[in-house]
Amino acid sequence: VYKRQAKDVWAADSDGNVVGQVVFDESRYRSNDDVISDFKSWVVNCVSVNKLTIINDESVCLTHMNNDLSEKRYTEMLANSWIEKVLVNGCNKTDYRFNDEKTVLVDRNRQGYQAEMNLSGTVICSDSGTPITQDFYINAHARLKPRTEKNPLAIEVYEMEDL
């Protein structure tokens, strides 16, 4: 029986002295701030109204959801022509402001690699003189994953609710 096991990688200073072991993005060791940042990046992609980036933004959003949730969101986007509407009526310049009082990590289970987050803020379209705003408030449950090229935000959202 063969066992696959990651090789230990040790870091050394310029004199060759070992200074510690490298841990490659083990989900349990990521700080709460890193987890919050990953959730924020995900939600920015999901609430995008930028006509220059909407296709890429929605791709990132869907990629970081489990299959069931991703398929459900994709079906809804097709049914209401979401991407086409943003391509025609969306903004060229968008900004996102999070409400720090309501954007909180509700729960984090380090052993189960689970996290629940409330994300609240505003999407700001500033193409014209007077900015147009749209508020969002989302609750999301996710599994924390290792950061990879395919999963750069290191989360897999399996449940979300528009509050």
C-alpha atoms as a PDB file:
ATOM      1  CA  VAL A   1       0.000   0.000   0.000  1.00  0.00           C
ATOM      2  CA  TYR A   2       1.372   3.343  -1.033  1.00  0.00           C
ATOM      3  CA  LYS A   3       0.576   6.446   0.910  1.00  0.00           C
ATOM      4  CA  ARG A   4       0.634   9.912  -0.623  1.00  0.00           C
ATOM      5  CA  GLN A   5       2.026  12.444   1.777  1.00  0.00           C
ATOM      6  CA  ALA A   6       3.157  16.021   1.266  1.00  0.00           C
ATOM      7  CA  LYS A   7       6.878  16.567   1.557  1.00  0.00           C
ATOM      8  CA  ASP A   8       8.069  18.741   4.409  1.00  0.00           C
ATOM      9  CA  VAL A   9       9.497  22.024   3.143  1.00  0.00           C
ATOM     10  CA  TRP A  10      11.762  23.928   5.457  1.00  0.00           C
ATOM     11  CA  ALA A  11      12.724  27.591   5.148  1.00  0.00           C
ATOM     12  CA  ALA A  12      16.285  28.749   5.692  1.00  0.00           C
ATOM     13  CA  ASP A  13      17.886  32.154   5.989  1.00  0.00           C
ATOM     14  CA  SER A  14      20.763  33.344   3.758  1.00  0.00           C
ATOM     15  CA  ASP A  15      23.313  31.674   6.073  1.00  0.00           C
ATOM     16  CA  GLY A  16      21.606  28.275   5.722  1.00  0.00           C
ATOM     17  CA  ASN A  17      20.088  28.270   9.204  1.00  0.00           C
ATOM     18  CA  VAL A  18      16.674  26.597   9.321  1.00  0.00           C
ATOM     19  CA  VAL A  19      14.069  29.123  10.425  1.00  0.00           C
ATOM     20  CA  GLY A  20      10.876  27.083  10.166  1.00  0.00           C
ATOM     21  CA  GLN A  21       8.600  24.819   8.181  1.00  0.00           C
ATOM     22  CA  VAL A  22       6.482  26.108   5.293  1.00  0.00           C
ATOM     23  CA  VAL A  23       2.778  25.287   5.602  1.00  0.00           C
ATOM     24  CA  PHE A  24       1.073  25.543   2.215  1.00  0.00           C
ATOM     25  CA  ASP A  25      -2.191  27.341   2.891  1.00  0.00           C
ATOM     26  CA  GLU A  26      -3.724  24.862   5.289  1.00  0.00           C
ATOM     27  CA  SER A  27      -7.265  26.151   5.708  1.00  0.00           C
ATOM     28  CA  ARG A  28      -7.285  25.670   9.477  1.00  0.00           C
ATOM     29  CA  TYR A  29      -4.382  28.074   9.928  1.00  0.00           C
ATOM     30  CA  ARG A  30      -5.744  30.986   7.918  1.00  0.00           C
ATOM     31  CA  SER A  31      -6.598  33.959  10.067  1.00  0.00           C
ATOM     32  CA  ASN A  32     -10.166  35.175  10.430  1.00  0.00           C
ATOM     33  CA  ASP A  33      -9.114  38.323   8.540  1.00  0.00           C
ATOM     34  CA  ASP A  34      -7.993  36.170   5.592  1.00  0.00           C
ATOM     35  CA  VAL A  35     -11.298  34.276   5.601  1.00  0.00           C
ATOM     36  CA  ILE A  36     -13.257  37.541   5.730  1.00  0.00           C
ATOM     37  CA  SER A  37     -11.178  38.923   2.853  1.00  0.00           C
ATOM     38  CA  ASP A  38     -11.908  35.818   0.746  1.00  0.00           C
ATOM     39  CA  PHE A  39     -15.651  36.130   1.409  1.00  0.00           C
ATOM     40  CA  LYS A  40     -15.567  39.838   0.513  1.00  0.00           C
ATOM     41  CA  SER A  41     -13.765  39.146  -2.756  1.00  0.00           C
ATOM     42  CA  TRP A  42     -16.322  36.470  -3.583  1.00  0.00           C
ATOM     43  CA  VAL A  43     -19.342  38.690  -2.902  1.00  0.00           C
ATOM     44  CA  VAL A  44     -17.861  41.589  -4.910  1.00  0.00           C
ATOM     45  CA  ASN A  45     -17.813  39.260  -7.921  1.00  0.00           C
ATOM     46  CA  CYS A  46     -21.356  38.025  -7.236  1.00  0.00           C
ATOM     47  CA  VAL A  47     -22.936  41.488  -6.980  1.00  0.00           C
ATOM     48  CA  SER A  48     -20.992  42.999  -9.875  1.00  0.00           C
ATOM     49  CA  VAL A  49     -22.751  45.383 -12.260  1.00  0.00           C
ATOM     50  CA  ASN A  50     -19.604  46.313 -14.172  1.00  0.00           C
ATOM     51  CA  LYS A  51     -20.227  45.753 -17.880  1.00  0.00           C
ATOM     52  CA  LEU A  52     -16.486  45.556 -18.576  1.00  0.00           C
ATOM     53  CA  THR A  53     -15.882  42.698 -16.126  1.00  0.00           C
ATOM     54  CA  ILE A  54     -19.273  41.005 -15.583  1.00  0.00           C
ATOM     55  CA  ILE A  55     -18.442  37.774 -17.420  1.00  0.00           C
ATOM     56  CA  ASN A  56     -15.227  37.254 -15.461  1.00  0.00           C
ATOM     57  CA  ASP A  57     -16.874  38.385 -12.207  1.00  0.00           C
ATOM     58  CA  GLU A  58     -19.745  35.912 -12.529  1.00  0.00           C
ATOM     59  CA  SER A  59     -17.288  33.173 -13.474  1.00  0.00           C
ATOM     60  CA  VAL A  60     -15.357  33.764 -10.231  1.00  0.00           C
ATOM     61  CA  CYS A  61     -18.628  33.855  -8.281  1.00  0.00           C
ATOM     62  CA  LEU A  62     -19.861  30.558  -9.743  1.00  0.00           C
ATOM     63  CA  THR A  63     -16.469  28.843  -9.480  1.00  0.00           C
ATOM     64  CA  HIS A  64     -16.472  29.381  -5.717  1.00  0.00           C
ATOM     65  CA  MET A  65     -19.867  27.743  -5.186  1.00  0.00           C
ATOM     66  CA  ASN A  66     -20.643  24.049  -4.911  1.00  0.00           C
ATOM     67  CA  ASN A  67     -22.242  22.430  -7.968  1.00  0.00           C
ATOM     68  CA  ASP A  68     -25.848  22.635  -6.757  1.00  0.00           C
ATOM     69  CA  LEU A  69     -25.704  26.300  -5.796  1.00  0.00           C
ATOM     70  CA  SER A  70     -23.693  27.216  -8.891  1.00  0.00           C
ATOM     71  CA  GLU A  71     -26.184  25.506 -11.206  1.00  0.00           C
ATOM     72  CA  LYS A  72     -29.115  27.179  -9.425  1.00  0.00           C
ATOM     73  CA  ARG A  73     -27.551  30.643  -9.749  1.00  0.00           C
ATOM     74  CA  TYR A  74     -26.583  30.029 -13.388  1.00  0.00           C
ATOM     75  CA  THR A  75     -30.138  28.930 -14.245  1.00  0.00           C
ATOM     76  CA  GLU A  76     -31.540  32.064 -12.576  1.00  0.00           C
ATOM     77  CA  MET A  77     -29.080  34.282 -14.468  1.00  0.00           C
ATOM     78  CA  LEU A  78     -30.123  32.715 -17.769  1.00  0.00           C
ATOM     79  CA  ALA A  79     -33.833  32.996 -16.971  1.00  0.00           C
ATOM     80  CA  ASN A  80     -33.656  36.731 -16.253  1.00  0.00           C
ATOM     81  CA  SER A  81     -30.878  37.530 -18.811  1.00  0.00           C
ATOM     82  CA  TRP A  82     -28.728  39.002 -16.027  1.00  0.00           C
ATOM     83  CA  ILE A  83     -25.423  39.160 -17.909  1.00  0.00           C
ATOM     84  CA  GLU A  84     -27.047  40.645 -21.018  1.00  0.00           C
ATOM     85  CA  LYS A  85     -28.751  43.315 -18.909  1.00  0.00           C
ATOM     86  CA  VAL A  86     -25.453  44.250 -17.235  1.00  0.00           C
ATOM     87  CA  LEU A  87     -23.627  44.302 -20.598  1.00  0.00           C
ATOM     88  CA  VAL A  88     -26.194  46.801 -21.918  1.00  0.00           C
ATOM     89  CA  ASN A  89     -27.100  48.838 -18.822  1.00  0.00           C
ATOM     90  CA  GLY A  90     -24.200  48.219 -16.448  1.00  0.00           C
ATOM     91  CA  CYS A  91     -21.497  50.604 -15.293  1.00  0.00           C
ATOM     92  CA  ASN A  92     -17.974  51.239 -16.477  1.00  0.00           C
ATOM     93  CA  LYS A  93     -16.788  52.387 -13.049  1.00  0.00           C
ATOM     94  CA  THR A  94     -17.895  50.511  -9.947  1.00  0.00           C
ATOM     95  CA  ASP A  95     -16.856  50.594  -6.330  1.00  0.00           C
ATOM     96  CA  TYR A  96     -17.873  48.524  -3.315  1.00  0.00           C
ATOM     97  CA  ARG A  97     -18.192  49.705   0.274  1.00  0.00           C
ATOM     98  CA  PHE A  98     -18.764  47.226   3.069  1.00  0.00           C
ATOM     99  CA  ASN A  99     -20.736  48.053   6.211  1.00  0.00           C
ATOM    100  CA  ASP A 100     -18.246  46.977   8.898  1.00  0.00           C
ATOM    101  CA  GLU A 101     -20.939  46.688  11.585  1.00  0.00           C
ATOM    102  CA  LYS A 102     -22.967  44.172   9.566  1.00  0.00           C
ATOM    103  CA  THR A 103     -20.105  42.435   7.719  1.00  0.00           C
ATOM    104  CA  VAL A 104     -19.096  39.842  10.282  1.00  0.00           C
ATOM    105  CA  LEU A 105     -17.805  36.310  10.499  1.00  0.00           C
ATOM    106  CA  VAL A 106     -20.771  34.720  12.298  1.00  0.00           C
ATOM    107  CA  ASP A 107     -19.223  31.304  12.930  1.00  0.00           C
ATOM    108  CA  ARG A 108     -16.035  29.424  12.117  1.00  0.00           C
ATOM    109  CA  ASN A 109     -15.489  25.751  12.804  1.00  0.00           C
ATOM    110  CA  ARG A 110     -11.773  25.148  12.356  1.00  0.00           C
ATOM    111  CA  GLN A 111     -12.002  21.359  12.656  1.00  0.00           C
ATOM    112  CA  GLY A 112     -14.857  21.095  10.169  1.00  0.00           C
ATOM    113  CA  TYR A 113     -13.404  23.730   7.844  1.00  0.00           C
ATOM    114  CA  GLN A 114     -16.749  25.578   7.871  1.00  0.00           C
ATOM    115  CA  ALA A 115     -17.475  29.294   8.035  1.00  0.00           C
ATOM    116  CA  GLU A 116     -20.603  31.428   8.044  1.00  0.00           C
ATOM    117  CA  MET A 117     -20.460  35.096   7.102  1.00  0.00           C
ATOM    118  CA  ASN A 118     -22.841  38.035   6.866  1.00  0.00           C
ATOM    119  CA  LEU A 119     -21.791  40.528   4.196  1.00  0.00           C
ATOM    120  CA  SER A 120     -23.425  43.941   3.947  1.00  0.00           C
ATOM    121  CA  GLY A 121     -22.509  46.893   1.802  1.00  0.00           C
ATOM    122  CA  THR A 122     -23.173  49.008  -1.235  1.00  0.00           C
ATOM    123  CA  VAL A 123     -22.344  48.729  -4.926  1.00  0.00           C
ATOM    124  CA  ILE A 124     -21.598  52.187  -6.318  1.00  0.00           C
ATOM    125  CA  CYS A 125     -21.881  53.019 -10.020  1.00  0.00           C
ATOM    126  CA  SER A 126     -20.025  56.261 -10.657  1.00  0.00           C
ATOM    127  CA  ASP A 127     -20.234  56.670 -14.444  1.00  0.00           C
ATOM    128  CA  SER A 128     -22.276  59.858 -14.241  1.00  0.00           C
ATOM    129  CA  GLY A 129     -22.042  62.898 -11.988  1.00  0.00           C
ATOM    130  CA  THR A 130     -24.356  61.498  -9.311  1.00  0.00           C
ATOM    131  CA  PRO A 131     -23.388  57.990  -8.176  1.00  0.00           C
ATOM    132  CA  ILE A 132     -26.075  55.304  -8.336  1.00  0.00           C
ATOM    133  CA  THR A 133     -26.027  52.885  -5.401  1.00  0.00           C
ATOM    134  CA  GLN A 134     -27.491  49.471  -4.637  1.00  0.00           C
ATOM    135  CA  ASP A 135     -27.281  47.889  -1.183  1.00  0.00           C
ATOM    136  CA  PHE A 136     -26.657  44.197  -0.575  1.00  0.00           C
ATOM    137  CA  TYR A 137     -26.901  42.013   2.527  1.00  0.00           C
ATOM    138  CA  ILE A 138     -25.958  38.365   2.107  1.00  0.00           C
ATOM    139  CA  ASN A 139     -25.531  35.425   4.474  1.00  0.00           C
ATOM    140  CA  ALA A 140     -23.206  32.724   3.134  1.00  0.00           C
ATOM    141  CA  HIS A 141     -22.033  29.337   4.424  1.00  0.00           C
ATOM    142  CA  ALA A 142     -18.806  27.945   2.988  1.00  0.00           C
ATOM    143  CA  ARG A 143     -16.246  25.207   3.296  1.00  0.00           C
ATOM    144  CA  LEU A 144     -12.718  26.508   3.634  1.00  0.00           C
ATOM    145  CA  LYS A 145     -10.474  25.021   0.954  1.00  0.00           C
ATOM    146  CA  PRO A 146      -6.774  25.183   0.151  1.00  0.00           C
ATOM    147  CA  ARG A 147      -5.920  28.109  -2.096  1.00  0.00           C
ATOM    148  CA  THR A 148      -5.219  26.882  -5.637  1.00  0.00           C
ATOM    149  CA  GLU A 149      -5.149  28.352  -9.146  1.00  0.00           C
ATOM    150  CA  LYS A 150      -8.650  26.983  -9.702  1.00  0.00           C
ATOM    151  CA  ASN A 151      -9.870  28.190  -6.306  1.00  0.00           C
ATOM    152  CA  PRO A 152      -7.959  31.435  -5.585  1.00  0.00           C
ATOM    153  CA  LEU A 153     -10.412  32.604  -2.911  1.00  0.00           C
ATOM    154  CA  ALA A 154     -10.071  29.329  -0.990  1.00  0.00           C
ATOM    155  CA  ILE A 155     -13.788  28.941  -0.225  1.00  0.00           C
ATOM    156  CA  GLU A 156     -16.639  26.847  -1.577  1.00  0.00           C
ATOM    157  CA  VAL A 157     -19.990  28.450  -0.813  1.00  0.00           C
ATOM    158  CA  TYR A 158     -22.703  25.824  -0.379  1.00  0.00           C
ATOM    159  CA  GLU A 159     -25.528  28.006   0.934  1.00  0.00           C
ATOM    160  CA  MET A 160     -26.380  31.658   0.506  1.00  0.00           C
ATOM    161  CA  GLU A 161     -29.336  33.837   1.349  1.00  0.00           C
ATOM    162  CA  ASP A 162     -30.137  37.375   0.279  1.00  0.00           C
ATOM    163  CA  LEU A 163     -31.147  39.030   3.541  1.00  0.00           C
END
